[in-house]
Every structure is written in structure tokens, then in C-alpha cells.
Amino acid sequence: MFGFKRKKTLDRESERFPTFQGAEVYGTNSKFRCSAVVRDISETGARLRLTNNEVPPEHVTIRVTGYDDKMTGKVCWRNDGEIGIQFDEKLKG
């Protein structure tokens, strides 16, 4: 997936792939926009570090730098500049 190496995880629905890939985060139904770094990604979600302190809306669209696909999902958690996203649809491997 996205050419990343697998990271062994326990009690997860899907395997995580650690990364340090740039991304843009957009509010799906708002004008929110922010740069981010994808810290890990799986077929069901991602953990991102935002580059500013703005609070993202509940539903976002993510575009990973270098890839044309856009992913939409719900912000499940926020903590110390990072957010967890659950994708609306599983990514295709």
C-alpha cells in the first residue's frame, strides 16, 4: 500500500504502514485546509500530524503528496497536534 513497509500491530482491524509522507487535509464540507504529515496509514485509516493548531472539522478529505487519489473520512480523535482518521471506504491495496 502506497509502497510503505508493514508495521506489526496488535488488536488492529488492519495493518499500519509507518510513513513520513506529506499530505493536504481539506474540510469535506467546509473551507478548512491544512498541510500535514501522514505518520502511519492502513486500509481503514491514518494518523496525521497537522502543521498548524487549527481544529479540523469532523469530516475531512486527505490527498497524500505524490498520489492522485483522495481519501475521505471521519476524525476519530485529536491529541497534541495529531488526528486519527477513519476512512469512509477501505483503501485498495
Protein backbone atom coordinates (compact mmCIF):
# COMPACT_ATOMS: atom_id res chain seq x y z
CA MET A 1 0.00 0.00 0.00
CA PHE A 2 1.49 3.32 -1.11
CA GLY A 3 4.84 1.46 -1.23
CA PHE A 4 5.24 1.52 2.57
CA LYS A 5 6.72 -1.26 4.69
CA ARG A 6 4.41 -3.05 7.09
CA LYS A 7 4.45 -2.38 10.83
CA LYS A 8 3.49 -5.21 13.15
CA THR A 9 0.41 -4.28 15.17
CA LEU A 10 -1.74 -5.98 17.75
CA ASP A 11 -5.52 -5.77 18.13
CA ARG A 12 -5.99 -3.68 14.98
CA GLU A 13 -8.53 -4.19 12.24
CA SER A 14 -5.83 -3.70 9.60
CA GLU A 15 -2.04 -3.41 9.45
CA ARG A 16 -0.44 0.01 9.79
CA PHE A 17 2.27 1.26 7.47
CA PRO A 18 4.57 3.85 9.11
CA THR A 19 5.48 6.80 6.91
CA PHE A 20 6.58 10.40 6.87
CA GLN A 21 4.64 11.42 3.76
CA GLY A 22 3.30 14.94 3.21
CA ALA A 23 -0.42 15.49 2.71
CA GLU A 24 -3.09 18.15 2.41
CA VAL A 25 -6.18 17.94 4.63
CA TYR A 26 -9.38 19.64 3.50
CA GLY A 27 -12.71 20.05 5.20
CA THR A 28 -15.10 17.91 3.16
CA ASN A 29 -17.97 20.34 3.73
CA SER A 30 -16.06 23.42 4.94
CA LYS A 31 -13.26 25.76 3.91
CA PHE A 32 -10.72 24.15 6.28
CA ARG A 33 -7.33 23.45 4.69
CA CYS A 34 -4.06 22.42 6.33
CA SER A 35 -0.79 20.71 5.46
CA ALA A 36 0.01 17.55 7.38
CA VAL A 37 2.41 14.65 7.67
CA VAL A 38 0.99 11.14 7.50
CA ARG A 39 2.63 9.25 10.37
CA ASP A 40 1.01 5.91 9.61
CA ILE A 41 -1.68 4.61 7.31
CA SER A 42 -3.74 1.44 6.94
CA GLU A 43 -6.52 0.36 4.63
CA THR A 44 -9.06 1.70 7.17
CA GLY A 45 -7.47 4.91 8.45
CA ALA A 46 -4.48 7.14 9.12
CA ARG A 47 -2.69 9.12 11.82
CA LEU A 48 -1.65 12.61 10.75
CA ARG A 49 0.37 15.39 12.37
CA LEU A 50 -1.08 18.77 11.39
CA THR A 51 1.23 21.69 10.61
CA ASN A 52 -0.93 24.25 12.42
CA ASN A 53 -3.11 24.44 15.51
CA GLU A 54 -6.45 24.79 13.74
CA VAL A 55 -9.11 22.27 14.71
CA PRO A 56 -10.22 20.25 11.67
CA PRO A 57 -13.90 19.60 11.05
CA GLU A 58 -15.41 16.19 11.80
CA HIS A 59 -15.27 15.05 8.16
CA VAL A 60 -12.14 15.60 6.05
CA THR A 61 -10.60 14.78 2.68
CA ILE A 62 -6.90 13.83 2.51
CA ARG A 63 -4.60 13.97 -0.51
CA VAL A 64 -1.20 12.36 0.04
CA THR A 65 1.62 14.14 -1.81
CA GLY A 66 2.59 12.28 -4.98
CA TYR A 67 -0.69 10.36 -5.29
CA ASP A 68 -3.80 11.36 -7.23
CA ASP A 69 -6.30 9.53 -5.04
CA LYS A 70 -8.21 11.43 -2.39
CA MET A 71 -9.46 9.74 0.77
CA THR A 72 -12.40 10.91 2.83
CA GLY A 73 -13.04 10.05 6.41
CA LYS A 74 -14.13 10.99 9.89
CA VAL A 75 -11.82 12.47 12.52
CA CYS A 76 -11.99 9.91 15.35
CA TRP A 77 -9.58 11.54 17.78
CA ARG A 78 -7.41 14.63 18.27
CA ASN A 79 -4.38 14.80 20.55
CA ASP A 80 -1.42 17.18 20.75
CA GLY A 81 -1.39 18.24 17.08
CA GLU A 82 -2.25 14.79 15.71
CA ILE A 83 -5.53 13.42 14.42
CA GLY A 84 -6.80 9.94 13.70
CA ILE A 85 -8.93 9.43 10.60
CA GLN A 86 -11.25 6.51 9.88
CA PHE A 87 -11.73 6.29 6.11
CA ASP A 88 -15.23 6.15 4.64
CA GLU A 89 -14.11 3.30 2.38
CA LYS A 90 -11.24 0.83 2.73
CA LEU A 91 -8.21 1.62 0.58
CA LYS A 92 -7.39 -0.75 -2.21
CA GLY A 93 -4.02 -2.46 -1.70
